[in-house]
Amino acid sequence: MELLFLNIGTQEFILLVPVLLTVILYIYCLIHCIANNRLRGNSKLLWLIIILVAPFLGSVIYLIVGRKGNKGDYGTTM
C-alpha cells in the first residue's frame, strides 16, 4: 500500500501515526495548561516545565494528575 498523495509506504505510515498522536497530545496539554485557570502561579510553571522537558510522559502525567488543578486555592487571599 502506497499513499500516493504523501509518497510514503506502509512502514513509514505506521511509524508516522504514533509520532503525530504524540505531537497532538503534547500541543493539547501545553495549551490546556496555559489556559487552565485552576492552576495558579508556580503550579502552572511547574507543569509547563514538566510537559516541556518530558513531552510524552509529562503530558500523560498532566492529564492524569494536573488537569484538575488546585481546587483548594480559590478562597485564599494574601
PDB file of N, CA and C in Angstrom:
ATOM      1  N   MET A   1       0.852  -1.181   0.000  1.00  0.00           N
ATOM      2  CA  MET A   1       0.000   0.000   0.000  1.00  0.00           C
ATOM      3  C   MET A   1       0.889   1.232   0.000  1.00  0.00           C
ATOM      4  N   GLU A   2       0.715   2.061  -0.965  1.00  0.00           N
ATOM      5  CA  GLU A   2       1.483   3.295  -1.016  1.00  0.00           C
ATOM      6  C   GLU A   2       0.513   4.464  -1.075  1.00  0.00           C
ATOM      7  N   LEU A   3       0.703   5.387  -0.167  1.00  0.00           N
ATOM      8  CA  LEU A   3      -0.139   6.572  -0.147  1.00  0.00           C
ATOM      9  C   LEU A   3       0.445   7.578  -1.129  1.00  0.00           C
ATOM     10  N   LEU A   4      -0.187   7.685  -2.270  1.00  0.00           N
ATOM     11  CA  LEU A   4       0.373   8.490  -3.341  1.00  0.00           C
ATOM     12  C   LEU A   4       0.413   9.973  -3.019  1.00  0.00           C
ATOM     13  N   PHE A   5      -0.582  10.460  -2.293  1.00  0.00           N
ATOM     14  CA  PHE A   5      -0.609  11.888  -2.012  1.00  0.00           C
ATOM     15  C   PHE A   5       0.470  12.300  -1.011  1.00  0.00           C
ATOM     16  N   LEU A   6       0.973  11.359  -0.222  1.00  0.00           N
ATOM     17  CA  LEU A   6       2.061  11.657   0.712  1.00  0.00           C
ATOM     18  C   LEU A   6       3.390  11.076   0.245  1.00  0.00           C
ATOM     19  N   ASN A   7       3.337  10.176  -0.743  1.00  0.00           N
ATOM     20  CA  ASN A   7       4.509   9.496  -1.270  1.00  0.00           C
ATOM     21  C   ASN A   7       5.261   8.742  -0.179  1.00  0.00           C
ATOM     22  N   ILE A   8       4.500   8.078   0.704  1.00  0.00           N
ATOM     23  CA  ILE A   8       5.111   7.239   1.736  1.00  0.00           C
ATOM     24  C   ILE A   8       4.490   5.846   1.676  1.00  0.00           C
ATOM     25  N   GLY A   9       5.242   4.875   2.122  1.00  0.00           N
ATOM     26  CA  GLY A   9       4.765   3.498   2.118  1.00  0.00           C
ATOM     27  C   GLY A   9       4.124   3.125   3.443  1.00  0.00           C
ATOM     28  N   THR A  10       3.807   1.866   3.599  1.00  0.00           N
ATOM     29  CA  THR A  10       3.126   1.366   4.787  1.00  0.00           C
ATOM     30  C   THR A  10       3.992   1.493   6.032  1.00  0.00           C
ATOM     31  N   GLN A  11       5.263   1.149   5.920  1.00  0.00           N
ATOM     32  CA  GLN A  11       6.126   1.213   7.097  1.00  0.00           C
ATOM     33  C   GLN A  11       6.283   2.639   7.606  1.00  0.00           C
ATOM     34  N   GLU A  12       6.446   3.578   6.696  1.00  0.00           N
ATOM     35  CA  GLU A  12       6.564   4.969   7.111  1.00  0.00           C
ATOM     36  C   GLU A  12       5.265   5.467   7.747  1.00  0.00           C
ATOM     37  N   PHE A  13       4.154   5.035   7.195  1.00  0.00           N
ATOM     38  CA  PHE A  13       2.863   5.437   7.738  1.00  0.00           C
ATOM     39  C   PHE A  13       2.661   4.885   9.146  1.00  0.00           C
ATOM     40  N   ILE A  14       3.052   3.620   9.354  1.00  0.00           N
ATOM     41  CA  ILE A  14       2.921   3.002  10.673  1.00  0.00           C
ATOM     42  C   ILE A  14       3.791   3.733  11.691  1.00  0.00           C
ATOM     43  N   LEU A  15       4.947   4.211  11.294  1.00  0.00           N
ATOM     44  CA  LEU A  15       5.808   4.972  12.191  1.00  0.00           C
ATOM     45  C   LEU A  15       5.320   6.406  12.383  1.00  0.00           C
ATOM     46  N   LEU A  16       4.659   6.946  11.392  1.00  0.00           N
ATOM     47  CA  LEU A  16       4.218   8.336  11.435  1.00  0.00           C
ATOM     48  C   LEU A  16       3.014   8.539  12.357  1.00  0.00           C
ATOM     49  N   VAL A  17       2.125   7.580  12.441  1.00  0.00           N
ATOM     50  CA  VAL A  17       0.903   7.718  13.235  1.00  0.00           C
ATOM     51  C   VAL A  17       1.193   7.948  14.722  1.00  0.00           C
ATOM     52  N   PRO A  18       2.021   7.142  15.388  1.00  0.00           N
ATOM     53  CA  PRO A  18       2.294   7.411  16.808  1.00  0.00           C
ATOM     54  C   PRO A  18       3.004   8.737  17.033  1.00  0.00           C
ATOM     55  N   VAL A  19       3.858   9.129  16.111  1.00  0.00           N
ATOM     56  CA  VAL A  19       4.554  10.407  16.252  1.00  0.00           C
ATOM     57  C   VAL A  19       3.562  11.559  16.165  1.00  0.00           C
ATOM     58  N   LEU A  20       2.649  11.495  15.223  1.00  0.00           N
ATOM     59  CA  LEU A  20       1.637  12.547  15.089  1.00  0.00           C
ATOM     60  C   LEU A  20       0.715  12.598  16.302  1.00  0.00           C
ATOM     61  N   LEU A  21       0.319  11.446  16.813  1.00  0.00           N
ATOM     62  CA  LEU A  21      -0.536  11.419  18.003  1.00  0.00           C
ATOM     63  C   LEU A  21       0.186  12.002  19.216  1.00  0.00           C
ATOM     64  N   THR A  22       1.474  11.736  19.341  1.00  0.00           N
ATOM     65  CA  THR A  22       2.260  12.281  20.447  1.00  0.00           C
ATOM     66  C   THR A  22       2.373  13.797  20.333  1.00  0.00           C
ATOM     67  N   VAL A  23       2.586  14.300  19.136  1.00  0.00           N
ATOM     68  CA  VAL A  23       2.683  15.753  18.929  1.00  0.00           C
ATOM     69  C   VAL A  23       1.348  16.425  19.226  1.00  0.00           C
ATOM     70  N   ILE A  24       0.253  15.822  18.815  1.00  0.00           N
ATOM     71  CA  ILE A  24      -1.075  16.377  19.096  1.00  0.00           C
ATOM     72  C   ILE A  24      -1.338  16.389  20.592  1.00  0.00           C
ATOM     73  N   LEU A  25      -1.003  15.309  21.290  1.00  0.00           N
ATOM     74  CA  LEU A  25      -1.154  15.253  22.743  1.00  0.00           C
ATOM     75  C   LEU A  25      -0.308  16.322  23.416  1.00  0.00           C
ATOM     76  N   TYR A  26       0.920  16.494  22.981  1.00  0.00           N
ATOM     77  CA  TYR A  26       1.843  17.475  23.524  1.00  0.00           C
ATOM     78  C   TYR A  26       1.296  18.898  23.376  1.00  0.00           C
ATOM     79  N   ILE A  27       0.843  19.233  22.188  1.00  0.00           N
ATOM     80  CA  ILE A  27       0.308  20.576  21.939  1.00  0.00           C
ATOM     81  C   ILE A  27      -0.969  20.806  22.733  1.00  0.00           C
ATOM     82  N   TYR A  28      -1.844  19.800  22.804  1.00  0.00           N
ATOM     83  CA  TYR A  28      -3.077  19.926  23.579  1.00  0.00           C
ATOM     84  C   TYR A  28      -2.774  20.192  25.051  1.00  0.00           C
ATOM     85  N   CYS A  29      -1.831  19.455  25.608  1.00  0.00           N
ATOM     86  CA  CYS A  29      -1.506  19.628  27.029  1.00  0.00           C
ATOM     87  C   CYS A  29      -0.873  20.988  27.298  1.00  0.00           C
ATOM     88  N   LEU A  30      -0.022  21.458  26.403  1.00  0.00           N
ATOM     89  CA  LEU A  30       0.555  22.791  26.574  1.00  0.00           C
ATOM     90  C   LEU A  30      -0.516  23.872  26.563  1.00  0.00           C
ATOM     91  N   ILE A  31      -1.417  23.805  25.601  1.00  0.00           N
ATOM     92  CA  ILE A  31      -2.483  24.806  25.501  1.00  0.00           C
ATOM     93  C   ILE A  31      -3.415  24.715  26.699  1.00  0.00           C
ATOM     94  N   HIS A  32      -3.769  23.501  27.105  1.00  0.00           N
ATOM     95  CA  HIS A  32      -4.671  23.322  28.239  1.00  0.00           C
ATOM     96  C   HIS A  32      -4.038  23.832  29.524  1.00  0.00           C
ATOM     97  N   CYS A  33      -2.758  23.573  29.702  1.00  0.00           N
ATOM     98  CA  CYS A  33      -2.062  24.023  30.911  1.00  0.00           C
ATOM     99  C   CYS A  33      -1.998  25.545  30.955  1.00  0.00           C
ATOM    100  N   ILE A  34      -1.719  26.180  29.847  1.00  0.00           N
ATOM    101  CA  ILE A  34      -1.648  27.643  29.803  1.00  0.00           C
ATOM    102  C   ILE A  34      -3.012  28.262  30.051  1.00  0.00           C
ATOM    103  N   ALA A  35      -4.065  27.667  29.515  1.00  0.00           N
ATOM    104  CA  ALA A  35      -5.410  28.231  29.636  1.00  0.00           C
ATOM    105  C   ALA A  35      -6.136  27.799  30.907  1.00  0.00           C
ATOM    106  N   ASN A  36      -5.570  26.870  31.675  1.00  0.00           N
ATOM    107  CA  ASN A  36      -6.236  26.345  32.864  1.00  0.00           C
ATOM    108  C   ASN A  36      -6.214  27.390  33.985  1.00  0.00           C
ATOM    109  N   ASN A  37      -7.372  27.913  34.340  1.00  0.00           N
ATOM    110  CA  ASN A  37      -7.466  28.934  35.381  1.00  0.00           C
ATOM    111  C   ASN A  37      -7.372  28.353  36.784  1.00  0.00           C
ATOM    112  N   ARG A  38      -7.503  27.058  36.924  1.00  0.00           N
ATOM    113  CA  ARG A  38      -7.395  26.432  38.243  1.00  0.00           C
ATOM    114  C   ARG A  38      -5.949  26.342  38.713  1.00  0.00           C
ATOM    115  N   LEU A  39      -5.022  26.327  37.772  1.00  0.00           N
ATOM    116  CA  LEU A  39      -3.608  26.291  38.145  1.00  0.00           C
ATOM    117  C   LEU A  39      -3.142  27.719  38.401  1.00  0.00           C
ATOM    118  N   ARG A  40      -2.471  27.907  39.511  1.00  0.00           N
ATOM    119  CA  ARG A  40      -2.004  29.230  39.893  1.00  0.00           C
ATOM    120  C   ARG A  40      -0.489  29.285  39.892  1.00  0.00           C
ATOM    121  N   GLY A  41       0.068  30.394  39.508  1.00  0.00           N
ATOM    122  CA  GLY A  41       1.479  30.747  39.619  1.00  0.00           C
ATOM    123  C   GLY A  41       2.478  29.623  39.429  1.00  0.00           C
ATOM    124  N   ASN A  42       3.076  29.197  40.528  1.00  0.00           N
ATOM    125  CA  ASN A  42       4.148  28.201  40.469  1.00  0.00           C
ATOM    126  C   ASN A  42       3.658  26.841  40.001  1.00  0.00           C
ATOM    127  N   SER A  43       2.417  26.492  40.288  1.00  0.00           N
ATOM    128  CA  SER A  43       1.883  25.202  39.830  1.00  0.00           C
ATOM    129  C   SER A  43       1.836  25.149  38.308  1.00  0.00           C
ATOM    130  N   LYS A  44       1.380  26.238  37.698  1.00  0.00           N
ATOM    131  CA  LYS A  44       1.308  26.293  36.238  1.00  0.00           C
ATOM    132  C   LYS A  44       2.716  26.233  35.642  1.00  0.00           C
ATOM    133  N   LEU A  45       3.641  26.965  36.231  1.00  0.00           N
ATOM    134  CA  LEU A  45       5.016  26.970  35.743  1.00  0.00           C
ATOM    135  C   LEU A  45       5.645  25.585  35.870  1.00  0.00           C
ATOM    136  N   LEU A  46       5.411  24.928  36.983  1.00  0.00           N
ATOM    137  CA  LEU A  46       5.949  23.586  37.189  1.00  0.00           C
ATOM    138  C   LEU A  46       5.399  22.602  36.161  1.00  0.00           C
ATOM    139  N   TRP A  47       4.097  22.646  35.915  1.00  0.00           N
ATOM    140  CA  TRP A  47       3.509  21.744  34.921  1.00  0.00           C
ATOM    141  C   TRP A  47       4.032  22.043  33.522  1.00  0.00           C
ATOM    142  N   LEU A  48       4.216  23.314  33.185  1.00  0.00           N
ATOM    143  CA  LEU A  48       4.769  23.650  31.868  1.00  0.00           C
ATOM    144  C   LEU A  48       6.187  23.102  31.710  1.00  0.00           C
ATOM    145  N   ILE A  49       6.992  23.212  32.768  1.00  0.00           N
ATOM    146  CA  ILE A  49       8.355  22.676  32.708  1.00  0.00           C
ATOM    147  C   ILE A  49       8.329  21.164  32.550  1.00  0.00           C
ATOM    148  N   ILE A  50       7.450  20.487  33.295  1.00  0.00           N
ATOM    149  CA  ILE A  50       7.350  19.025  33.193  1.00  0.00           C
ATOM    150  C   ILE A  50       6.940  18.608  31.786  1.00  0.00           C
ATOM    151  N   ILE A  51       5.961  19.295  31.219  1.00  0.00           N
ATOM    152  CA  ILE A  51       5.486  18.954  29.870  1.00  0.00           C
ATOM    153  C   ILE A  51       6.565  19.243  28.827  1.00  0.00           C
ATOM    154  N   LEU A  52       7.306  20.332  28.991  1.00  0.00           N
ATOM    155  CA  LEU A  52       8.341  20.684  28.019  1.00  0.00           C
ATOM    156  C   LEU A  52       9.562  19.765  28.105  1.00  0.00           C
ATOM    157  N   VAL A  53       9.930  19.350  29.314  1.00  0.00           N
ATOM    158  CA  VAL A  53      11.122  18.519  29.486  1.00  0.00           C
ATOM    159  C   VAL A  53      10.866  17.073  29.048  1.00  0.00           C
ATOM    160  N   ALA A  54       9.724  16.533  29.410  1.00  0.00           N
ATOM    161  CA  ALA A  54       9.385  15.149  29.048  1.00  0.00           C
ATOM    162  C   ALA A  54       8.047  15.172  28.310  1.00  0.00           C
ATOM    163  N   PRO A  55       8.053  15.432  27.009  1.00  0.00           N
ATOM    164  CA  PRO A  55       6.803  15.669  26.280  1.00  0.00           C
ATOM    165  C   PRO A  55       5.751  14.571  26.435  1.00  0.00           C
ATOM    166  N   PHE A  56       6.083  13.327  26.161  1.00  0.00           N
ATOM    167  CA  PHE A  56       5.052  12.291  26.222  1.00  0.00           C
ATOM    168  C   PHE A  56       4.679  11.962  27.659  1.00  0.00           C
ATOM    169  N   LEU A  57       5.663  11.633  28.464  1.00  0.00           N
ATOM    170  CA  LEU A  57       5.402  11.261  29.850  1.00  0.00           C
ATOM    171  C   LEU A  57       4.815  12.435  30.637  1.00  0.00           C
ATOM    172  N   GLY A  58       5.344  13.631  30.427  1.00  0.00           N
ATOM    173  CA  GLY A  58       4.819  14.814  31.103  1.00  0.00           C
ATOM    174  C   GLY A  58       3.369  15.101  30.730  1.00  0.00           C
ATOM    175  N   SER A  59       3.037  14.905  29.469  1.00  0.00           N
ATOM    176  CA  SER A  59       1.660  15.124  29.018  1.00  0.00           C
ATOM    177  C   SER A  59       0.700  14.122  29.635  1.00  0.00           C
ATOM    178  N   VAL A  60       1.115  12.872  29.677  1.00  0.00           N
ATOM    179  CA  VAL A  60       0.259  11.837  30.270  1.00  0.00           C
ATOM    180  C   VAL A  60       0.062  12.093  31.755  1.00  0.00           C
ATOM    181  N   ILE A  61       1.136  12.429  32.459  1.00  0.00           N
ATOM    182  CA  ILE A  61       1.029  12.721  33.894  1.00  0.00           C
ATOM    183  C   ILE A  61       0.158  13.945  34.122  1.00  0.00           C
ATOM    184  N   TYR A  62       0.295  14.964  33.274  1.00  0.00           N
ATOM    185  CA  TYR A  62      -0.547  16.155  33.404  1.00  0.00           C
ATOM    186  C   TYR A  62      -2.022  15.805  33.230  1.00  0.00           C
ATOM    187  N   LEU A  63      -2.344  14.974  32.254  1.00  0.00           N
ATOM    188  CA  LEU A  63      -3.742  14.606  32.034  1.00  0.00           C
ATOM    189  C   LEU A  63      -4.309  13.819  33.204  1.00  0.00           C
ATOM    190  N   ILE A  64      -3.482  13.006  33.845  1.00  0.00           N
ATOM    191  CA  ILE A  64      -3.953  12.186  34.960  1.00  0.00           C
ATOM    192  C   ILE A  64      -4.021  12.991  36.256  1.00  0.00           C
ATOM    193  N   VAL A  65      -2.988  13.767  36.553  1.00  0.00           N
ATOM    194  CA  VAL A  65      -2.863  14.411  37.866  1.00  0.00           C
ATOM    195  C   VAL A  65      -3.154  15.906  37.831  1.00  0.00           C
ATOM    196  N   GLY A  66      -2.546  16.630  36.919  1.00  0.00           N
ATOM    197  CA  GLY A  66      -2.549  18.083  36.995  1.00  0.00           C
ATOM    198  C   GLY A  66      -3.685  18.797  36.313  1.00  0.00           C
ATOM    199  N   ARG A  67      -4.473  18.110  35.569  1.00  0.00           N
ATOM    200  CA  ARG A  67      -5.522  18.753  34.780  1.00  0.00           C
ATOM    201  C   ARG A  67      -6.584  19.424  35.639  1.00  0.00           C
ATOM    202  N   LYS A  68      -6.892  18.841  36.781  1.00  0.00           N
ATOM    203  CA  LYS A  68      -7.940  19.390  37.637  1.00  0.00           C
ATOM    204  C   LYS A  68      -7.478  20.609  38.408  1.00  0.00           C
ATOM    205  N   GLY A  69      -6.185  20.737  38.637  1.00  0.00           N
ATOM    206  CA  GLY A  69      -5.654  21.912  39.295  1.00  0.00           C
ATOM    207  C   GLY A  69      -5.827  21.869  40.806  1.00  0.00           C
ATOM    208  N   ASN A  70      -5.553  22.997  41.428  1.00  0.00           N
ATOM    209  CA  ASN A  70      -5.657  23.126  42.873  1.00  0.00           C
ATOM    210  C   ASN A  70      -7.026  23.663  43.235  1.00  0.00           C
ATOM    211  N   LYS A  71      -7.914  22.793  43.659  1.00  0.00           N
ATOM    212  CA  LYS A  71      -9.274  23.210  43.957  1.00  0.00           C
ATOM    213  C   LYS A  71      -9.359  24.000  45.257  1.00  0.00           C
ATOM    214  N   GLY A  72      -8.413  23.825  46.173  1.00  0.00           N
ATOM    215  CA  GLY A  72      -8.480  24.478  47.461  1.00  0.00           C
ATOM    216  C   GLY A  72      -7.939  25.897  47.459  1.00  0.00           C
ATOM    217  N   ASP A  73      -7.424  26.412  46.385  1.00  0.00           N
ATOM    218  CA  ASP A  73      -6.794  27.723  46.373  1.00  0.00           C
ATOM    219  C   ASP A  73      -7.749  28.881  46.076  1.00  0.00           C
ATOM    220  N   TYR A  74      -9.001  28.620  45.833  1.00  0.00           N
ATOM    221  CA  TYR A  74      -9.892  29.687  45.400  1.00  0.00           C
ATOM    222  C   TYR A  74     -10.234  30.680  46.516  1.00  0.00           C
ATOM    223  N   GLY A  75     -10.368  30.213  47.733  1.00  0.00           N
ATOM    224  CA  GLY A  75     -10.806  31.086  48.801  1.00  0.00           C
ATOM    225  C   GLY A  75      -9.691  31.785  49.535  1.00  0.00           C
ATOM    226  N   THR A  76      -8.455  31.544  49.199  1.00  0.00           N
ATOM    227  CA  THR A  76      -7.353  32.135  49.942  1.00  0.00           C
ATOM    228  C   THR A  76      -6.976  33.492  49.377  1.00  0.00           C
ATOM    229  N   THR A  77      -6.680  34.417  50.257  1.00  0.00           N
ATOM    230  CA  THR A  77      -6.208  35.742  49.840  1.00  0.00           C
ATOM    231  C   THR A  77      -4.960  36.076  50.637  1.00  0.00           C
ATOM    232  N   MET A  78      -4.134  36.908  50.053  1.00  0.00           N
ATOM    233  CA  MET A  78      -2.901  37.305  50.749  1.00  0.00           C
ATOM    234  C   MET A  78      -2.847  38.796  50.917  1.00  0.00           C
TER     235      MET A  78
END
